[in-house]
ModelCIF file with pLDDT and N, C-alpha, C, O atoms, coordinates in Angstrom:
data_MODEL
#
_entry.id   MODEL 
#
_entity.id                         1 
_entity.type                       polymer 
_entity.pdbx_number_of_molecules   1 
#
_entity_poly.entity_id                      1 
_entity_poly.type                           'polypeptide(L)' 
_entity_poly.nstd_linkage                   no 
_entity_poly.nstd_monomer                   no 
_entity_poly.pdbx_seq_one_letter_code       
;(UNK)(UNK)(UNK)(UNK)(UNK)(UNK)(UNK)(UNK)(UNK)(UNK)(UNK)(UNK)(UNK)(UNK)(UNK)(UNK)
(UNK)(UNK)(UNK)(UNK)(UNK)(UNK)(UNK)(UNK)(UNK)(UNK)(UNK)(UNK)(UNK)(UNK)(UNK)(UNK)
(UNK)(UNK)(UNK)(UNK)(UNK)(UNK)(UNK)(UNK)
;
_entity_poly.pdbx_seq_one_letter_code_can   XXXXXXXXXXXXXXXXXXXXXXXXXXXXXXXXXXXXXXXX 
_entity_poly.pdbx_strand_id                 A 
#
loop_
_entity_poly_seq.entity_id 
_entity_poly_seq.num 
_entity_poly_seq.mon_id 
_entity_poly_seq.hetero 
1 1  UNK n 
1 2  UNK n 
1 3  UNK n 
1 4  UNK n 
1 5  UNK n 
1 6  UNK n 
1 7  UNK n 
1 8  UNK n 
1 9  UNK n 
1 10 UNK n 
1 11 UNK n 
1 12 UNK n 
1 13 UNK n 
1 14 UNK n 
1 15 UNK n 
1 16 UNK n 
1 17 UNK n 
1 18 UNK n 
1 19 UNK n 
1 20 UNK n 
1 21 UNK n 
1 22 UNK n 
1 23 UNK n 
1 24 UNK n 
1 25 UNK n 
1 26 UNK n 
1 27 UNK n 
1 28 UNK n 
1 29 UNK n 
1 30 UNK n 
1 31 UNK n 
1 32 UNK n 
1 33 UNK n 
1 34 UNK n 
1 35 UNK n 
1 36 UNK n 
1 37 UNK n 
1 38 UNK n 
1 39 UNK n 
1 40 UNK n 
#
_struct_asym.id          A 
_struct_asym.entity_id   1 
#
loop_
_ma_qa_metric.id 
_ma_qa_metric.mode 
_ma_qa_metric.name 
_ma_qa_metric.software_group_id 
_ma_qa_metric.type 
1 global pLDDT . pLDDT 
2 local  pLDDT . pLDDT 
#
_ma_qa_metric_global.metric_id      1 
_ma_qa_metric_global.metric_value   95.72 
_ma_qa_metric_global.model_id       1 
_ma_qa_metric_global.ordinal_id     1 
#
loop_
_ma_qa_metric_local.label_asym_id 
_ma_qa_metric_local.label_comp_id 
_ma_qa_metric_local.label_seq_id 
_ma_qa_metric_local.metric_id 
_ma_qa_metric_local.metric_value 
_ma_qa_metric_local.model_id 
_ma_qa_metric_local.ordinal_id 
A UNK 1  2 96.00 1 1  
A UNK 2  2 95.00 1 2  
A UNK 3  2 96.00 1 3  
A UNK 4  2 97.00 1 4  
A UNK 5  2 98.00 1 5  
A UNK 6  2 97.00 1 6  
A UNK 7  2 97.00 1 7  
A UNK 8  2 97.00 1 8  
A UNK 9  2 94.00 1 9  
A UNK 10 2 93.00 1 10 
A UNK 11 2 94.00 1 11 
A UNK 12 2 92.00 1 12 
A UNK 13 2 97.00 1 13 
A UNK 14 2 98.00 1 14 
A UNK 15 2 98.00 1 15 
A UNK 16 2 98.00 1 16 
A UNK 17 2 98.00 1 17 
A UNK 18 2 98.00 1 18 
A UNK 19 2 98.00 1 19 
A UNK 20 2 97.00 1 20 
A UNK 21 2 96.00 1 21 
A UNK 22 2 95.00 1 22 
A UNK 23 2 95.00 1 23 
A UNK 24 2 95.00 1 24 
A UNK 25 2 94.00 1 25 
A UNK 26 2 95.00 1 26 
A UNK 27 2 95.00 1 27 
A UNK 28 2 95.00 1 28 
A UNK 29 2 95.00 1 29 
A UNK 30 2 96.00 1 30 
A UNK 31 2 95.00 1 31 
A UNK 32 2 95.00 1 32 
A UNK 33 2 95.00 1 33 
A UNK 34 2 94.00 1 34 
A UNK 35 2 96.00 1 35 
A UNK 36 2 95.00 1 36 
A UNK 37 2 95.00 1 37 
A UNK 38 2 95.00 1 38 
A UNK 39 2 95.00 1 39 
A UNK 40 2 95.00 1 40 
#
loop_
_atom_site.group_PDB 
_atom_site.id 
_atom_site.type_symbol 
_atom_site.label_atom_id 
_atom_site.label_alt_id 
_atom_site.label_comp_id 
_atom_site.label_asym_id 
_atom_site.label_entity_id 
_atom_site.label_seq_id 
_atom_site.pdbx_PDB_ins_code 
_atom_site.Cartn_x 
_atom_site.Cartn_y 
_atom_site.Cartn_z 
_atom_site.occupancy 
_atom_site.B_iso_or_equiv 
_atom_site.pdbx_formal_charge 
_atom_site.auth_seq_id 
_atom_site.auth_comp_id 
_atom_site.auth_asym_id 
_atom_site.auth_atom_id 
_atom_site.pdbx_PDB_model_num 
ATOM 1   N N  . UNK A 1 1  ? -3.041  -2.867  -13.952 1.00 96.00 ? 1  UNK A N  1 
ATOM 2   C CA . UNK A 1 1  ? -4.447  -2.860  -13.561 1.00 96.00 ? 1  UNK A CA 1 
ATOM 3   C C  . UNK A 1 1  ? -5.002  -4.274  -13.494 1.00 96.00 ? 1  UNK A C  1 
ATOM 4   O O  . UNK A 1 1  ? -5.792  -4.595  -12.606 1.00 96.00 ? 1  UNK A O  1 
ATOM 5   N N  . UNK A 1 2  ? -4.586  -5.121  -14.436 1.00 95.00 ? 2  UNK A N  1 
ATOM 6   C CA . UNK A 1 2  ? -5.075  -6.498  -14.473 1.00 95.00 ? 2  UNK A CA 1 
ATOM 7   C C  . UNK A 1 2  ? -4.632  -7.280  -13.232 1.00 95.00 ? 2  UNK A C  1 
ATOM 8   O O  . UNK A 1 2  ? -5.337  -8.185  -12.785 1.00 95.00 ? 2  UNK A O  1 
ATOM 9   N N  . UNK A 1 3  ? -3.483  -6.937  -12.683 1.00 96.00 ? 3  UNK A N  1 
ATOM 10  C CA . UNK A 1 3  ? -2.977  -7.653  -11.518 1.00 96.00 ? 3  UNK A CA 1 
ATOM 11  C C  . UNK A 1 3  ? -3.705  -7.298  -10.224 1.00 96.00 ? 3  UNK A C  1 
ATOM 12  O O  . UNK A 1 3  ? -3.800  -8.127  -9.319  1.00 96.00 ? 3  UNK A O  1 
ATOM 13  N N  . UNK A 1 4  ? -4.216  -6.080  -10.133 1.00 97.00 ? 4  UNK A N  1 
ATOM 14  C CA . UNK A 1 4  ? -4.773  -5.630  -8.849  1.00 97.00 ? 4  UNK A CA 1 
ATOM 15  C C  . UNK A 1 4  ? -6.299  -5.662  -8.797  1.00 97.00 ? 4  UNK A C  1 
ATOM 16  O O  . UNK A 1 4  ? -6.865  -5.590  -7.706  1.00 97.00 ? 4  UNK A O  1 
ATOM 17  N N  . UNK A 1 5  ? -6.986  -5.766  -9.939  1.00 98.00 ? 5  UNK A N  1 
ATOM 18  C CA . UNK A 1 5  ? -8.444  -5.899  -9.908  1.00 98.00 ? 5  UNK A CA 1 
ATOM 19  C C  . UNK A 1 5  ? -8.783  -7.339  -9.545  1.00 98.00 ? 5  UNK A C  1 
ATOM 20  O O  . UNK A 1 5  ? -8.443  -8.270  -10.276 1.00 98.00 ? 5  UNK A O  1 
ATOM 21  N N  . UNK A 1 6  ? -9.459  -7.516  -8.406  1.00 97.00 ? 6  UNK A N  1 
ATOM 22  C CA . UNK A 1 6  ? -9.681  -8.845  -7.848  1.00 97.00 ? 6  UNK A CA 1 
ATOM 23  C C  . UNK A 1 6  ? -11.155 -9.227  -7.877  1.00 97.00 ? 6  UNK A C  1 
ATOM 24  O O  . UNK A 1 6  ? -12.012 -8.381  -7.620  1.00 97.00 ? 6  UNK A O  1 
ATOM 25  N N  . UNK A 1 7  ? -11.470 -10.489 -8.186  1.00 97.00 ? 7  UNK A N  1 
ATOM 26  C CA . UNK A 1 7  ? -12.864 -10.933 -8.078  1.00 97.00 ? 7  UNK A CA 1 
ATOM 27  C C  . UNK A 1 7  ? -13.272 -11.020 -6.615  1.00 97.00 ? 7  UNK A C  1 
ATOM 28  O O  . UNK A 1 7  ? -12.473 -11.419 -5.768  1.00 97.00 ? 7  UNK A O  1 
ATOM 29  N N  . UNK A 1 8  ? -14.506 -10.651 -6.317  1.00 97.00 ? 8  UNK A N  1 
ATOM 30  C CA . UNK A 1 8  ? -15.018 -10.745 -4.950  1.00 97.00 ? 8  UNK A CA 1 
ATOM 31  C C  . UNK A 1 8  ? -15.459 -12.188 -4.700  1.00 97.00 ? 8  UNK A C  1 
ATOM 32  O O  . UNK A 1 8  ? -16.290 -12.704 -5.448  1.00 97.00 ? 8  UNK A O  1 
ATOM 33  N N  . UNK A 1 9  ? -14.933 -12.846 -3.680  1.00 94.00 ? 9  UNK A N  1 
ATOM 34  C CA . UNK A 1 9  ? -15.261 -14.257 -3.430  1.00 94.00 ? 9  UNK A CA 1 
ATOM 35  C C  . UNK A 1 9  ? -16.754 -14.474 -3.220  1.00 94.00 ? 9  UNK A C  1 
ATOM 36  O O  . UNK A 1 9  ? -17.399 -13.768 -2.444  1.00 94.00 ? 9  UNK A O  1 
ATOM 37  N N  . UNK A 1 10 ? -17.293 -15.473 -3.933  1.00 93.00 ? 10 UNK A N  1 
ATOM 38  C CA . UNK A 1 10 ? -18.686 -15.853 -3.753  1.00 93.00 ? 10 UNK A CA 1 
ATOM 39  C C  . UNK A 1 10 ? -19.687 -14.990 -4.482  1.00 93.00 ? 10 UNK A C  1 
ATOM 40  O O  . UNK A 1 10 ? -20.889 -15.237 -4.388  1.00 93.00 ? 10 UNK A O  1 
ATOM 41  N N  . UNK A 1 11 ? -19.227 -13.977 -5.211  1.00 94.00 ? 11 UNK A N  1 
ATOM 42  C CA . UNK A 1 11 ? -20.142 -13.075 -5.910  1.00 94.00 ? 11 UNK A CA 1 
ATOM 43  C C  . UNK A 1 11 ? -19.694 -12.937 -7.361  1.00 94.00 ? 11 UNK A C  1 
ATOM 44  O O  . UNK A 1 11 ? -18.760 -12.199 -7.672  1.00 94.00 ? 11 UNK A O  1 
ATOM 45  N N  . UNK A 1 12 ? -20.380 -13.660 -8.238  1.00 92.00 ? 12 UNK A N  1 
ATOM 46  C CA . UNK A 1 12 ? -20.053 -13.590 -9.665  1.00 92.00 ? 12 UNK A CA 1 
ATOM 47  C C  . UNK A 1 12 ? -20.294 -12.182 -10.195 1.00 92.00 ? 12 UNK A C  1 
ATOM 48  O O  . UNK A 1 12 ? -21.204 -11.483 -9.749  1.00 92.00 ? 12 UNK A O  1 
ATOM 49  N N  . UNK A 1 13 ? -19.475 -11.783 -11.143 1.00 97.00 ? 13 UNK A N  1 
ATOM 50  C CA . UNK A 1 13 ? -19.587 -10.500 -11.855 1.00 97.00 ? 13 UNK A CA 1 
ATOM 51  C C  . UNK A 1 13 ? -19.211 -9.283  -11.008 1.00 97.00 ? 13 UNK A C  1 
ATOM 52  O O  . UNK A 1 13 ? -19.307 -8.152  -11.484 1.00 97.00 ? 13 UNK A O  1 
ATOM 53  N N  . UNK A 1 14 ? -18.790 -9.497  -9.773  1.00 98.00 ? 14 UNK A N  1 
ATOM 54  C CA . UNK A 1 14 ? -18.397 -8.373  -8.923  1.00 98.00 ? 14 UNK A CA 1 
ATOM 55  C C  . UNK A 1 14 ? -16.896 -8.422  -8.669  1.00 98.00 ? 14 UNK A C  1 
ATOM 56  O O  . UNK A 1 14 ? -16.357 -9.443  -8.243  1.00 98.00 ? 14 UNK A O  1 
ATOM 57  N N  . UNK A 1 15 ? -16.224 -7.292  -8.940  1.00 98.00 ? 15 UNK A N  1 
ATOM 58  C CA . UNK A 1 15 ? -14.784 -7.182  -8.740  1.00 98.00 ? 15 UNK A CA 1 
ATOM 59  C C  . UNK A 1 15 ? -14.480 -5.977  -7.864  1.00 98.00 ? 15 UNK A C  1 
ATOM 60  O O  . UNK A 1 15 ? -15.319 -5.098  -7.671  1.00 98.00 ? 15 UNK A O  1 
ATOM 61  N N  . UNK A 1 16 ? -13.253 -5.958  -7.337  1.00 98.00 ? 16 UNK A N  1 
ATOM 62  C CA . UNK A 1 16 ? -12.828 -4.861  -6.470  1.00 98.00 ? 16 UNK A CA 1 
ATOM 63  C C  . UNK A 1 16 ? -11.433 -4.412  -6.859  1.00 98.00 ? 16 UNK A C  1 
ATOM 64  O O  . UNK A 1 16 ? -10.527 -5.228  -7.027  1.00 98.00 ? 16 UNK A O  1 
ATOM 65  N N  . UNK A 1 17 ? -11.271 -3.096  -7.001  1.00 98.00 ? 17 UNK A N  1 
ATOM 66  C CA . UNK A 1 17 ? -9.956  -2.493  -7.156  1.00 98.00 ? 17 UNK A CA 1 
ATOM 67  C C  . UNK A 1 17 ? -9.598  -1.858  -5.821  1.00 98.00 ? 17 UNK A C  1 
ATOM 68  O O  . UNK A 1 17 ? -10.093 -0.773  -5.516  1.00 98.00 ? 17 UNK A O  1 
ATOM 69  N N  . UNK A 1 18 ? -8.745  -2.502  -5.004  1.00 98.00 ? 18 UNK A N  1 
ATOM 70  C CA . UNK A 1 18 ? -8.401  -1.963  -3.688  1.00 98.00 ? 18 UNK A CA 1 
ATOM 71  C C  . UNK A 1 18 ? -7.659  -0.636  -3.788  1.00 98.00 ? 18 UNK A C  1 
ATOM 72  O O  . UNK A 1 18 ? -7.259  -0.220  -4.876  1.00 98.00 ? 18 UNK A O  1 
ATOM 73  N N  . UNK A 1 19 ? -7.479  0.021   -2.651  1.00 98.00 ? 19 UNK A N  1 
ATOM 74  C CA . UNK A 1 19 ? -6.844  1.341   -2.642  1.00 98.00 ? 19 UNK A CA 1 
ATOM 75  C C  . UNK A 1 19 ? -5.338  1.249   -2.842  1.00 98.00 ? 19 UNK A C  1 
ATOM 76  O O  . UNK A 1 19 ? -4.767  2.065   -3.566  1.00 98.00 ? 19 UNK A O  1 
ATOM 77  N N  . UNK A 1 20 ? -4.684  0.274   -2.218  1.00 97.00 ? 20 UNK A N  1 
ATOM 78  C CA . UNK A 1 20 ? -3.236  0.214   -2.264  1.00 97.00 ? 20 UNK A CA 1 
ATOM 79  C C  . UNK A 1 20 ? -2.626  1.023   -1.132  1.00 97.00 ? 20 UNK A C  1 
ATOM 80  O O  . UNK A 1 20 ? -3.349  1.501   -0.258  1.00 97.00 ? 20 UNK A O  1 
ATOM 81  N N  . UNK A 1 21 ? -1.304  1.187   -1.131  1.00 96.00 ? 21 UNK A N  1 
ATOM 82  C CA . UNK A 1 21 ? -0.639  1.955   -0.075  1.00 96.00 ? 21 UNK A CA 1 
ATOM 83  C C  . UNK A 1 21 ? -1.157  3.396   -0.024  1.00 96.00 ? 21 UNK A C  1 
ATOM 84  O O  . UNK A 1 21 ? -1.360  4.022   -1.065  1.00 96.00 ? 21 UNK A O  1 
ATOM 85  N N  . UNK A 1 22 ? -1.370  3.917   1.185   1.00 95.00 ? 22 UNK A N  1 
ATOM 86  C CA . UNK A 1 22 ? -1.878  5.279   1.335   1.00 95.00 ? 22 UNK A CA 1 
ATOM 87  C C  . UNK A 1 22 ? -0.771  6.268   0.983   1.00 95.00 ? 22 UNK A C  1 
ATOM 88  O O  . UNK A 1 22 ? 0.293   6.241   1.603   1.00 95.00 ? 22 UNK A O  1 
ATOM 89  N N  . UNK A 1 23 ? -1.000  7.144   -0.005  1.00 95.00 ? 23 UNK A N  1 
ATOM 90  C CA . UNK A 1 23 ? 0.045   8.070   -0.445  1.00 95.00 ? 23 UNK A CA 1 
ATOM 91  C C  . UNK A 1 23 ? 0.039   9.363   0.370   1.00 95.00 ? 23 UNK A C  1 
ATOM 92  O O  . UNK A 1 23 ? -0.944  9.662   1.048   1.00 95.00 ? 23 UNK A O  1 
ATOM 93  N N  . UNK A 1 24 ? 1.127   10.128  0.310   1.00 95.00 ? 24 UNK A N  1 
ATOM 94  C CA . UNK A 1 24 ? 1.153   11.415  1.014   1.00 95.00 ? 24 UNK A CA 1 
ATOM 95  C C  . UNK A 1 24 ? 0.372   12.503  0.294   1.00 95.00 ? 24 UNK A C  1 
ATOM 96  O O  . UNK A 1 24 ? 0.043   13.530  0.888   1.00 95.00 ? 24 UNK A O  1 
ATOM 97  N N  . UNK A 1 25 ? 0.071   12.283  -0.994  1.00 94.00 ? 25 UNK A N  1 
ATOM 98  C CA . UNK A 1 25 ? -0.613  13.296  -1.808  1.00 94.00 ? 25 UNK A CA 1 
ATOM 99  C C  . UNK A 1 25 ? -1.802  12.706  -2.566  1.00 94.00 ? 25 UNK A C  1 
ATOM 100 O O  . UNK A 1 25 ? -1.760  12.653  -3.795  1.00 94.00 ? 25 UNK A O  1 
ATOM 101 N N  . UNK A 1 26 ? -2.863  12.261  -1.882  1.00 95.00 ? 26 UNK A N  1 
ATOM 102 C CA . UNK A 1 26 ? -3.978  11.595  -2.563  1.00 95.00 ? 26 UNK A CA 1 
ATOM 103 C C  . UNK A 1 26 ? -4.640  12.445  -3.651  1.00 95.00 ? 26 UNK A C  1 
ATOM 104 O O  . UNK A 1 26 ? -4.909  11.942  -4.741  1.00 95.00 ? 26 UNK A O  1 
ATOM 105 N N  . UNK A 1 27 ? -4.904  13.720  -3.373  1.00 95.00 ? 27 UNK A N  1 
ATOM 106 C CA . UNK A 1 27 ? -5.612  14.559  -4.343  1.00 95.00 ? 27 UNK A CA 1 
ATOM 107 C C  . UNK A 1 27 ? -4.829  14.681  -5.645  1.00 95.00 ? 27 UNK A C  1 
ATOM 108 O O  . UNK A 1 27 ? -5.406  14.546  -6.724  1.00 95.00 ? 27 UNK A O  1 
ATOM 109 N N  . UNK A 1 28 ? -3.541  14.932  -5.563  1.00 95.00 ? 28 UNK A N  1 
ATOM 110 C CA . UNK A 1 28 ? -2.717  15.070  -6.765  1.00 95.00 ? 28 UNK A CA 1 
ATOM 111 C C  . UNK A 1 28 ? -2.648  13.765  -7.544  1.00 95.00 ? 28 UNK A C  1 
ATOM 112 O O  . UNK A 1 28 ? -2.654  13.769  -8.775  1.00 95.00 ? 28 UNK A O  1 
ATOM 113 N N  . UNK A 1 29 ? -2.582  12.654  -6.829  1.00 95.00 ? 29 UNK A N  1 
ATOM 114 C CA . UNK A 1 29 ? -2.505  11.352  -7.489  1.00 95.00 ? 29 UNK A CA 1 
ATOM 115 C C  . UNK A 1 29 ? -3.801  11.029  -8.225  1.00 95.00 ? 29 UNK A C  1 
ATOM 116 O O  . UNK A 1 29 ? -3.772  10.519  -9.345  1.00 95.00 ? 29 UNK A O  1 
ATOM 117 N N  . UNK A 1 30 ? -4.937  11.326  -7.596  1.00 96.00 ? 30 UNK A N  1 
ATOM 118 C CA . UNK A 1 30 ? -6.238  11.040  -8.217  1.00 96.00 ? 30 UNK A CA 1 
ATOM 119 C C  . UNK A 1 30 ? -6.519  11.953  -9.410  1.00 96.00 ? 30 UNK A C  1 
ATOM 120 O O  . UNK A 1 30 ? -7.326  11.608  -10.273 1.00 96.00 ? 30 UNK A O  1 
ATOM 121 N N  . UNK A 1 31 ? -5.868  13.101  -9.467  1.00 95.00 ? 31 UNK A N  1 
ATOM 122 C CA . UNK A 1 31 ? -6.097  14.061  -10.551 1.00 95.00 ? 31 UNK A CA 1 
ATOM 123 C C  . UNK A 1 31 ? -5.053  13.948  -11.656 1.00 95.00 ? 31 UNK A C  1 
ATOM 124 O O  . UNK A 1 31 ? -5.030  14.776  -12.566 1.00 95.00 ? 31 UNK A O  1 
ATOM 125 N N  . UNK A 1 32 ? -4.195  12.946  -11.592 1.00 95.00 ? 32 UNK A N  1 
ATOM 126 C CA . UNK A 1 32 ? -3.124  12.797  -12.571 1.00 95.00 ? 32 UNK A CA 1 
ATOM 127 C C  . UNK A 1 32 ? -3.633  12.206  -13.877 1.00 95.00 ? 32 UNK A C  1 
ATOM 128 O O  . UNK A 1 32 ? -4.651  11.513  -13.879 1.00 95.00 ? 32 UNK A O  1 
ATOM 129 N N  . UNK A 1 33 ? -2.947  12.463  -14.993 1.00 95.00 ? 33 UNK A N  1 
ATOM 130 C CA . UNK A 1 33 ? -3.345  11.863  -16.287 1.00 95.00 ? 33 UNK A CA 1 
ATOM 131 C C  . UNK A 1 33 ? -3.350  10.338  -16.237 1.00 95.00 ? 33 UNK A C  1 
ATOM 132 O O  . UNK A 1 33 ? -4.189  9.705   -16.878 1.00 95.00 ? 33 UNK A O  1 
ATOM 133 N N  . UNK A 1 34 ? -2.434  9.743   -15.490 1.00 94.00 ? 34 UNK A N  1 
ATOM 134 C CA . UNK A 1 34 ? -2.389  8.282   -15.387 1.00 94.00 ? 34 UNK A CA 1 
ATOM 135 C C  . UNK A 1 34 ? -3.653  7.742   -14.730 1.00 94.00 ? 34 UNK A C  1 
ATOM 136 O O  . UNK A 1 34 ? -4.164  6.697   -15.134 1.00 94.00 ? 34 UNK A O  1 
ATOM 137 N N  . UNK A 1 35 ? -4.167  8.452   -13.712 1.00 96.00 ? 35 UNK A N  1 
ATOM 138 C CA . UNK A 1 35 ? -5.413  8.030   -13.073 1.00 96.00 ? 35 UNK A CA 1 
ATOM 139 C C  . UNK A 1 35 ? -6.568  8.119   -14.061 1.00 96.00 ? 35 UNK A C  1 
ATOM 140 O O  . UNK A 1 35 ? -7.445  7.256   -14.066 1.00 96.00 ? 35 UNK A O  1 
ATOM 141 N N  . UNK A 1 36 ? -6.577  9.157   -14.901 1.00 95.00 ? 36 UNK A N  1 
ATOM 142 C CA . UNK A 1 36 ? -7.633  9.301   -15.900 1.00 95.00 ? 36 UNK A CA 1 
ATOM 143 C C  . UNK A 1 36 ? -7.633  8.160   -16.900 1.00 95.00 ? 36 UNK A C  1 
ATOM 144 O O  . UNK A 1 36 ? -8.697  7.657   -17.259 1.00 95.00 ? 36 UNK A O  1 
ATOM 145 N N  . UNK A 1 37 ? -6.461  7.741   -17.357 1.00 95.00 ? 37 UNK A N  1 
ATOM 146 C CA . UNK A 1 37 ? -6.392  6.645   -18.327 1.00 95.00 ? 37 UNK A CA 1 
ATOM 147 C C  . UNK A 1 37 ? -6.850  5.329   -17.710 1.00 95.00 ? 37 UNK A C  1 
ATOM 148 O O  . UNK A 1 37 ? -7.447  4.504   -18.400 1.00 95.00 ? 37 UNK A O  1 
ATOM 149 N N  . UNK A 1 38 ? -6.580  5.116   -16.417 1.00 95.00 ? 38 UNK A N  1 
ATOM 150 C CA . UNK A 1 38 ? -7.028  3.888   -15.756 1.00 95.00 ? 38 UNK A CA 1 
ATOM 151 C C  . UNK A 1 38 ? -8.543  3.896   -15.567 1.00 95.00 ? 38 UNK A C  1 
ATOM 152 O O  . UNK A 1 38 ? -9.184  2.848   -15.658 1.00 95.00 ? 38 UNK A O  1 
ATOM 153 N N  . UNK A 1 39 ? -9.111  5.056   -15.309 1.00 95.00 ? 39 UNK A N  1 
ATOM 154 C CA . UNK A 1 39 ? -10.578 5.140   -15.200 1.00 95.00 ? 39 UNK A CA 1 
ATOM 155 C C  . UNK A 1 39 ? -11.232 4.776   -16.529 1.00 95.00 ? 39 UNK A C  1 
ATOM 156 O O  . UNK A 1 39 ? -12.249 4.083   -16.552 1.00 95.00 ? 39 UNK A O  1 
ATOM 157 N N  . UNK A 1 40 ? -10.659 5.235   -17.623 1.00 95.00 ? 40 UNK A N  1 
ATOM 158 C CA . UNK A 1 40 ? -11.221 4.920   -18.946 1.00 95.00 ? 40 UNK A CA 1 
ATOM 159 C C  . UNK A 1 40 ? -11.133 3.421   -19.239 1.00 95.00 ? 40 UNK A C  1 
ATOM 160 O O  . UNK A 1 40 ? -11.557 2.975   -20.305 1.00 95.00 ? 40 UNK A O  1 
#
């Protein structure tokens, strides 16, 4: 998570977590326990 959360250029205190490669199963991936731990 630390590697992919990027600061937004020119805007202090604002960061972006990009989407990454588009998966074949977005709903299942977003509902996974691993996704929940990253949200926390």
